[in-house]
Amino acid sequence: MAKVLVPLPDRDFDVTEVAVPWRLLTEAGHEVVFATEEGAMPAADPRLLTGVLFGQLGAEREPVAFYRALEQDRSFRAPLRWRDVNPSAWDALVLPGGHAQGMKQYLGGEALHAKVAALWAREIPVAAICHGVLVLARAKDAQGVPLLRGRRTTCLPKYMERTAWMLTAWKLGDYYRTYPAYVEDEVRGALASPSHFERGPVNLVTRGTRTDDRAAFVVEDGAYLSARWPGDAYLFAKRLIAKLAR
């Protein structure tokens, strides 16, 4: 059984990108432990639980059910503090995403970045999805180099971020734009070569499921794996479980 760390902001993380890996990892017998900045119980982006716009664009029914079960999990209700994370105590790290403004606490958290860099240096499996890849683009090694330098990766593609923003800006403003820069642009800036970024097949609607991975996309590079959006979450979790089995 592996011990898997999942750091989170206090609020606004993506429902699917947290609940699906938690459910599949725990079903596989692994221990999942959460951490927030000061040990507060976290809360997902509420719009994703009820539907972002006219009941649409939110999380699917199964991930929402997983999240409701997760809310009763002991580690989720009483997470570690980021500063108390001992990098030597973990077998894997999961970095979920989310786009609402509460994510900035986690995406820009320098104390968290330092812990992530220490975990990365141990060469344990590290899995990042959507905006979570920004943590690895911003965190640096002991020489001041972004952790992603020299790795192949994906993240939330620019066309997905732009489309979601354009469809909802009239009602929700910059809800889908966490930062002025697109996630893909910042991630690309941390890479050693433009060829190290993999966008994956163009897809705006179809999501992978527990039993069907045809619409999902994951990039693996050694111990590191990355995915684009909630539609990849099931395959993302399955691939991490396979790494832990090896």
Protein backbone atom coordinates (compact mmCIF):
# COMPACT_ATOMS: atom_id res chain seq x y z
CA MET A 1 0.00 0.00 0.00
CA ALA A 2 1.34 3.43 -0.95
CA LYS A 3 0.94 6.66 0.98
CA VAL A 4 -0.19 9.41 -1.40
CA LEU A 5 -0.10 13.14 -0.61
CA VAL A 6 -2.70 15.48 -2.13
CA PRO A 7 -2.13 19.17 -1.27
CA LEU A 8 -5.10 21.51 -1.77
CA PRO A 9 -6.13 25.14 -1.36
CA ASP A 10 -8.75 25.97 1.25
CA ARG A 11 -11.37 26.33 -1.48
CA ASP A 12 -12.20 26.19 -5.19
CA PHE A 13 -10.35 23.06 -6.33
CA ASP A 14 -11.89 20.93 -9.08
CA VAL A 15 -14.37 18.33 -7.81
CA THR A 16 -13.52 15.62 -10.35
CA GLU A 17 -9.74 16.06 -10.28
CA VAL A 18 -9.71 15.40 -6.53
CA ALA A 19 -12.60 13.00 -5.93
CA VAL A 20 -11.92 10.57 -8.77
CA PRO A 21 -8.22 9.93 -7.93
CA TRP A 22 -9.14 9.67 -4.24
CA ARG A 23 -11.83 7.09 -4.95
CA LEU A 24 -9.78 4.95 -7.32
CA LEU A 25 -6.62 5.11 -5.20
CA THR A 26 -8.44 4.13 -2.02
CA GLU A 27 -10.29 1.33 -3.83
CA ALA A 28 -6.86 0.03 -4.89
CA GLY A 29 -5.80 -0.07 -1.24
CA HIS A 30 -3.66 3.07 -1.09
CA GLU A 31 -3.77 5.67 1.67
CA VAL A 32 -4.60 9.21 0.49
CA VAL A 33 -3.71 12.07 2.81
CA PHE A 34 -4.66 15.70 2.22
CA ALA A 35 -2.84 18.88 3.20
CA THR A 36 -3.91 22.53 3.22
CA GLU A 37 -1.94 25.63 4.12
CA GLU A 38 -3.00 25.80 7.78
CA GLY A 39 -4.85 22.49 8.17
CA ALA A 40 -8.34 23.84 7.40
CA MET A 41 -10.89 21.43 5.92
CA PRO A 42 -10.97 22.27 2.19
CA ALA A 43 -14.00 22.81 -0.02
CA ALA A 44 -14.39 22.30 -3.76
CA ASP A 45 -15.52 24.95 -6.20
CA PRO A 46 -19.28 25.08 -5.38
CA ARG A 47 -20.28 25.92 -8.96
CA LEU A 48 -18.92 22.58 -10.13
CA LEU A 49 -21.24 20.78 -7.71
CA THR A 50 -24.42 22.47 -8.91
CA GLY A 51 -23.65 23.42 -12.51
CA VAL A 52 -21.64 26.42 -13.64
CA LEU A 53 -24.16 28.01 -15.98
CA PHE A 54 -27.84 27.04 -16.10
CA GLY A 55 -26.93 23.71 -14.51
CA GLN A 56 -24.38 22.89 -17.21
CA LEU A 57 -20.54 22.61 -17.30
CA GLY A 58 -20.28 21.20 -13.78
CA ALA A 59 -18.93 17.87 -12.58
CA GLU A 60 -20.61 14.67 -13.71
CA ARG A 61 -22.92 12.78 -11.36
CA GLU A 62 -20.47 10.04 -10.35
CA PRO A 63 -17.60 12.38 -9.38
CA VAL A 64 -20.07 14.49 -7.37
CA ALA A 65 -21.13 11.34 -5.49
CA PHE A 66 -17.47 10.53 -4.87
CA TYR A 67 -16.95 14.04 -3.50
CA ARG A 68 -19.88 13.72 -1.10
CA ALA A 69 -18.27 10.55 0.24
CA LEU A 70 -14.88 12.30 0.39
CA GLU A 71 -16.35 15.00 2.62
CA GLN A 72 -16.67 12.34 5.34
CA ASP A 73 -13.06 11.12 4.97
CA ARG A 74 -10.99 11.67 8.12
CA SER A 75 -7.92 13.04 6.33
CA PHE A 76 -10.05 15.38 4.24
CA ARG A 77 -11.80 16.76 7.31
CA ALA A 78 -8.54 17.22 9.26
CA PRO A 79 -5.73 17.68 6.73
CA LEU A 80 -2.07 18.23 7.43
CA ARG A 81 -0.53 21.69 7.23
CA TRP A 82 1.75 22.23 4.23
CA ARG A 83 4.66 23.13 6.49
CA ASP A 84 4.30 19.88 8.42
CA VAL A 85 4.71 17.67 5.34
CA ASN A 86 7.79 15.47 5.69
CA PRO A 87 9.00 14.84 2.11
CA SER A 88 10.54 11.49 3.06
CA ALA A 89 7.19 10.08 4.26
CA TRP A 90 5.39 9.80 0.91
CA ASP A 91 5.28 7.32 -1.94
CA ALA A 92 3.49 9.57 -4.46
CA LEU A 93 2.22 13.12 -4.95
CA VAL A 94 -0.99 14.22 -6.71
CA LEU A 95 -1.43 17.86 -7.79
CA PRO A 96 -5.06 18.53 -8.75
CA GLY A 97 -6.32 21.59 -10.58
CA GLY A 98 -9.18 24.05 -10.50
CA HIS A 99 -9.70 27.46 -12.07
CA ALA A 100 -11.66 29.63 -9.60
CA GLN A 101 -9.83 32.35 -7.68
CA GLY A 102 -9.34 30.36 -4.47
CA MET A 103 -6.83 28.21 -6.37
CA LYS A 104 -4.26 31.02 -6.26
CA GLN A 105 -3.45 30.15 -2.64
CA TYR A 106 -2.20 26.75 -3.82
CA LEU A 107 -0.85 27.58 -7.27
CA GLY A 108 1.26 30.45 -5.90
CA GLY A 109 2.07 29.02 -2.47
CA GLU A 110 5.84 29.27 -2.02
CA ALA A 111 5.81 27.07 1.09
CA LEU A 112 4.02 24.38 -0.90
CA HIS A 113 6.40 24.79 -3.84
CA ALA A 114 9.35 24.07 -1.55
CA LYS A 115 7.74 20.84 -0.31
CA VAL A 116 6.86 19.81 -3.86
CA ALA A 117 10.45 20.40 -4.98
CA ALA A 118 11.71 18.16 -2.16
CA LEU A 119 9.25 15.43 -3.10
CA TRP A 120 10.17 15.74 -6.78
CA ALA A 121 13.86 15.34 -5.92
CA ARG A 122 13.10 11.92 -4.45
CA GLU A 123 11.87 10.74 -7.89
CA ILE A 124 8.64 9.31 -6.53
CA PRO A 125 5.58 9.24 -8.84
CA VAL A 126 4.22 12.77 -9.27
CA ALA A 127 0.88 13.24 -11.03
CA ALA A 128 -0.43 16.69 -12.02
CA ILE A 129 -3.65 17.52 -13.84
CA CYS A 130 -5.00 20.71 -15.44
CA HIS A 131 -3.92 23.81 -13.43
CA GLY A 132 -2.00 21.53 -11.07
CA VAL A 133 0.80 21.44 -13.64
CA LEU A 134 1.40 25.13 -12.85
CA VAL A 135 2.76 24.11 -9.44
CA LEU A 136 5.53 22.17 -11.19
CA ALA A 137 6.13 25.01 -13.64
CA ARG A 138 6.59 27.46 -10.77
CA ALA A 139 8.41 25.29 -8.23
CA LYS A 140 12.19 25.20 -8.71
CA ASP A 141 14.99 22.82 -7.85
CA ALA A 142 18.07 23.67 -5.78
CA GLN A 143 19.66 25.36 -8.81
CA GLY A 144 16.61 27.57 -9.40
CA VAL A 145 15.44 25.61 -12.45
CA PRO A 146 11.69 24.89 -12.92
CA LEU A 147 10.94 21.29 -12.03
CA LEU A 148 9.37 20.75 -15.46
CA ARG A 149 12.54 21.68 -17.34
CA GLY A 150 13.54 18.69 -19.44
CA ARG A 151 10.22 16.85 -19.02
CA ARG A 152 7.38 16.16 -21.41
CA THR A 153 3.99 17.32 -20.16
CA THR A 154 0.47 18.34 -20.93
CA CYS A 155 -1.85 20.67 -18.97
CA LEU A 156 -5.09 22.55 -19.59
CA PRO A 157 -4.83 23.43 -23.30
CA LYS A 158 -5.26 27.04 -24.31
CA TYR A 159 -8.18 26.26 -26.63
CA MET A 160 -10.12 24.68 -23.74
CA GLU A 161 -9.46 27.56 -21.35
CA ARG A 162 -10.30 30.18 -23.98
CA THR A 163 -13.51 28.44 -25.07
CA ALA A 164 -14.83 28.05 -21.51
CA TRP A 165 -14.07 31.70 -20.80
CA MET A 166 -15.70 32.96 -24.00
CA LEU A 167 -18.85 30.92 -23.36
CA THR A 168 -19.33 32.19 -19.81
CA ALA A 169 -17.69 35.62 -19.56
CA TRP A 170 -20.96 37.44 -20.28
CA LYS A 171 -22.36 36.00 -17.04
CA LEU A 172 -19.37 34.99 -14.90
CA GLY A 173 -16.64 37.38 -15.95
CA ASP A 174 -13.17 35.86 -15.55
CA TYR A 175 -14.36 32.80 -13.64
CA TYR A 176 -12.56 30.57 -16.16
CA ARG A 177 -9.42 32.74 -16.31
CA THR A 178 -7.42 32.22 -13.13
CA TYR A 179 -4.60 34.44 -14.39
CA PRO A 180 -4.22 36.85 -17.33
CA ALA A 181 -1.79 34.35 -18.92
CA TYR A 182 -3.18 31.07 -20.18
CA VAL A 183 -2.07 27.96 -18.27
CA GLU A 184 -0.58 26.44 -21.41
CA ASP A 185 1.54 29.53 -22.10
CA GLU A 186 3.05 29.55 -18.62
CA VAL A 187 3.72 25.82 -18.67
CA ARG A 188 5.37 26.06 -22.08
CA GLY A 189 7.61 28.80 -20.71
CA ALA A 190 8.99 26.42 -18.10
CA LEU A 191 9.94 23.70 -20.58
CA ALA A 192 13.31 23.09 -22.19
CA SER A 193 11.79 22.73 -25.68
CA PRO A 194 8.44 23.53 -27.35
CA SER A 195 8.33 19.89 -28.46
CA HIS A 196 8.06 18.83 -24.81
CA PHE A 197 4.47 20.09 -24.64
CA GLU A 198 1.76 17.64 -25.78
CA ARG A 199 -1.69 19.13 -26.33
CA GLY A 200 -3.50 15.86 -27.04
CA PRO A 201 -6.51 15.36 -29.33
CA VAL A 202 -8.87 18.32 -29.65
CA ASN A 203 -11.88 17.70 -27.42
CA LEU A 204 -14.32 20.04 -25.70
CA VAL A 205 -17.15 17.77 -24.60
CA THR A 206 -16.44 14.05 -24.27
CA ARG A 207 -14.98 12.83 -21.01
CA GLY A 208 -13.35 9.59 -20.01
CA THR A 209 -15.17 7.41 -17.50
CA ARG A 210 -14.39 4.55 -15.19
CA THR A 211 -14.99 2.06 -18.02
CA ASP A 212 -14.14 4.06 -21.16
CA ASP A 213 -10.81 5.86 -21.64
CA ARG A 214 -11.16 6.64 -25.35
CA ALA A 215 -11.68 10.39 -24.80
CA ALA A 216 -8.95 10.69 -22.16
CA PHE A 217 -5.32 11.73 -22.60
CA VAL A 218 -2.34 11.38 -20.25
CA VAL A 219 1.37 12.05 -20.80
CA GLU A 220 3.92 9.88 -18.97
CA ASP A 221 7.59 10.76 -18.66
CA GLY A 222 9.41 8.53 -16.21
CA ALA A 223 7.91 8.93 -12.73
CA TYR A 224 5.94 12.00 -13.86
CA LEU A 225 2.47 11.90 -15.40
CA SER A 226 0.18 14.74 -16.42
CA ALA A 227 -3.33 15.23 -17.77
CA ARG A 228 -5.37 18.07 -19.26
CA TRP A 229 -8.77 18.46 -17.58
CA PRO A 230 -11.45 16.66 -15.52
CA GLY A 231 -12.29 14.50 -18.54
CA ASP A 232 -8.92 12.77 -18.09
CA ALA A 233 -9.27 12.12 -14.35
CA TYR A 234 -10.17 8.43 -14.48
CA LEU A 235 -7.31 7.50 -16.82
CA PHE A 236 -5.01 9.78 -14.81
CA ALA A 237 -5.83 7.85 -11.63
CA LYS A 238 -5.52 4.46 -13.33
CA ARG A 239 -2.09 5.29 -14.71
CA LEU A 240 -0.88 6.45 -11.29
CA ILE A 241 -2.17 3.24 -9.72
CA ALA A 242 -0.24 1.27 -12.35
CA LYS A 243 2.94 3.20 -11.51
CA LEU A 244 2.49 2.45 -7.82
CA ALA A 245 2.01 -1.25 -8.61
CA ARG A 246 5.37 -1.27 -10.41
